[in-house]
C-alpha atoms as a PDB file:
ATOM      1  CA  MET A   1       1.444-112.429  44.558  1.00  0.00           C
ATOM      2  CA  ILE A   2       1.002-114.835  47.464  1.00  0.00           C
ATOM      3  CA  ILE A   3       1.207-113.694  51.078  1.00  0.00           C
ATOM      4  CA  TYR A   4       2.346-116.277  53.635  1.00  0.00           C
ATOM      5  CA  MET A   5       1.162-115.988  57.224  1.00  0.00           C
ATOM      6  CA  ASP A   6       1.889-117.780  60.436  1.00  0.00           C
ATOM      7  CA  THR A   7      -0.579-116.960  63.196  1.00  0.00           C
ATOM      8  CA  TYR A   8      -0.410-113.201  62.712  1.00  0.00           C
ATOM      9  CA  PHE A   9      -2.109-110.755  60.326  1.00  0.00           C
ATOM     10  CA  LYS A  10      -0.382-109.078  57.410  1.00  0.00           C
ATOM     11  CA  LYS A  11      -1.789-106.446  55.084  1.00  0.00           C
ATOM     12  CA  ILE A  12      -3.448-108.007  52.051  1.00  0.00           C
ATOM     13  CA  GLU A  13      -2.685-106.406  48.719  1.00  0.00           C
ATOM     14  CA  GLU A  14      -5.400-106.277  46.079  1.00  0.00           C
ATOM     15  CA  GLY A  15      -5.279-109.274  43.749  1.00  0.00           C
ATOM     16  CA  SER A  16      -3.247-111.442  46.090  1.00  0.00           C
ATOM     17  CA  GLN A  17      -3.939-114.750  47.756  1.00  0.00           C
ATOM     18  CA  ILE A  18      -3.531-115.529  51.428  1.00  0.00           C
ATOM     19  CA  VAL A  19      -1.877-118.763  52.465  1.00  0.00           C
ATOM     20  CA  LEU A  20      -2.531-119.626  56.113  1.00  0.00           C
ATOM     21  CA  LYS A  21      -0.127-122.186  57.568  1.00  0.00           C
ATOM     22  CA  TRP A  22      -0.154-123.795  60.972  1.00  0.00           C
ATOM     23  CA  GLY A  23       1.768-126.924  61.792  1.00  0.00           C
ATOM     24  CA  ASN A  24       1.558-129.270  58.807  1.00  0.00           C
ATOM     25  CA  ARG A  25      -1.721-127.741  57.568  1.00  0.00           C
ATOM     26  CA  GLN A  26      -2.397-124.896  55.172  1.00  0.00           C
ATOM     27  CA  THR A  27      -5.307-123.239  53.389  1.00  0.00           C
ATOM     28  CA  VAL A  28      -5.412-120.752  50.521  1.00  0.00           C
ATOM     29  CA  ILE A  29      -7.890-117.864  50.531  1.00  0.00           C
ATOM     30  CA  SER A  30      -8.528-116.233  47.154  1.00  0.00           C
ATOM     31  CA  PRO A  31      -9.442-112.561  46.686  1.00  0.00           C
ATOM     32  CA  ALA A  32     -13.134-111.628  46.810  1.00  0.00           C
ATOM     33  CA  GLU A  33     -13.291-111.036  43.043  1.00  0.00           C
ATOM     34  CA  ALA A  34     -12.290-114.654  42.385  1.00  0.00           C
ATOM     35  CA  VAL A  35     -14.654-116.152  44.955  1.00  0.00           C
ATOM     36  CA  LYS A  36     -17.575-113.733  44.420  1.00  0.00           C
ATOM     37  CA  ASP A  37     -20.679-115.057  46.119  1.00  0.00           C
ATOM     38  CA  ASP A  38     -23.288-113.498  48.391  1.00  0.00           C
ATOM     39  CA  THR A  39     -20.868-113.471  51.351  1.00  0.00           C
ATOM     40  CA  ALA A  40     -17.823-111.957  49.597  1.00  0.00           C
ATOM     41  CA  TYR A  41     -17.606-108.213  48.942  1.00  0.00           C
ATOM     42  CA  THR A  42     -15.055-106.052  47.204  1.00  0.00           C
ATOM     43  CA  LYS A  43     -13.618-103.120  49.156  1.00  0.00           C
ATOM     44  CA  GLU A  44     -15.809-100.691  47.191  1.00  0.00           C
ATOM     45  CA  GLU A  45     -18.999-102.707  47.825  1.00  0.00           C
ATOM     46  CA  PHE A  46     -18.267-102.947  51.553  1.00  0.00           C
ATOM     47  CA  GLU A  47     -17.520 -99.226  51.859  1.00  0.00           C
ATOM     48  CA  ALA A  48     -20.788 -98.450  50.029  1.00  0.00           C
ATOM     49  CA  MET A  49     -22.694-100.692  52.463  1.00  0.00           C
ATOM     50  CA  LEU A  50     -21.113 -98.914  55.443  1.00  0.00           C
ATOM     51  CA  ALA A  51     -21.945 -95.497  53.975  1.00  0.00           C
ATOM     52  CA  GLN A  52     -25.564 -96.542  53.395  1.00  0.00           C
ATOM     53  CA  ALA A  53     -25.897 -97.920  56.931  1.00  0.00           C
ATOM     54  CA  ASP A  54     -24.423 -94.706  58.362  1.00  0.00           C
ATOM     55  CA  ALA A  55     -26.809 -92.556  56.297  1.00  0.00           C
ATOM     56  CA  GLU A  56     -29.806 -94.636  57.410  1.00  0.00           C
ATOM     57  CA  PHE A  57     -28.764 -94.318  61.052  1.00  0.00           C
ATOM     58  CA  GLU A  58     -28.295 -90.551  60.722  1.00  0.00           C
ATOM     59  CA  ALA A  59     -31.781 -90.345  59.152  1.00  0.00           C
ATOM     60  CA  GLY A  60     -33.225 -92.031  62.238  1.00  0.00           C
ATOM     61  CA  LEU A  61     -33.838 -95.386  60.571  1.00  0.00           C
ATOM     62  CA  GLY A  62     -31.383 -97.313  62.749  1.00  0.00           C
ATOM     63  CA  ARG A  63     -31.968 -99.114  66.040  1.00  0.00           C
ATOM     64  CA  GLU A  64     -29.924 -98.689  69.173  1.00  0.00           C
ATOM     65  CA  TRP A  65     -28.454-102.009  70.325  1.00  0.00           C
ATOM     66  CA  THR A  66     -29.873-101.931  73.834  1.00  0.00           C
ATOM     67  CA  GLU A  67     -29.992-105.014  76.021  1.00  0.00           C
ATOM     68  CA  GLU A  68     -33.707-105.341  75.217  1.00  0.00           C
ATOM     69  CA  VAL A  69     -33.049-105.308  71.450  1.00  0.00           C
ATOM     70  CA  ARG A  70     -30.315-107.944  71.826  1.00  0.00           C
ATOM     71  CA  LYS A  71     -32.633-110.218  73.796  1.00  0.00           C
ATOM     72  CA  GLU A  72     -35.392-109.694  71.219  1.00  0.00           C
ATOM     73  CA  LEU A  73     -33.064-110.623  68.352  1.00  0.00           C
ATOM     74  CA  MET A  74     -31.820-113.708  70.214  1.00  0.00           C
ATOM     75  CA  GLY A  75     -35.380-114.802  70.873  1.00  0.00           C
ATOM     76  CA  LEU A  76     -35.128-114.531  74.657  1.00  0.00           C
END
């Protein structure tokens, strides 16, 4: 299944491709399983990462994103 989009978002069904079109240009985005690299995650992997991050924060292992922390991370 291929989903065609203009400049708006449509729900992506599992196993489908996204075709983005604007003017006379277009690009095709494959599902994460087909592209699989260190920057592409399946839905299950991403949900597991969110659950782990939430558990770590609840256990007191997280950091509050204060203005001081943001400046520290940006090297200011």
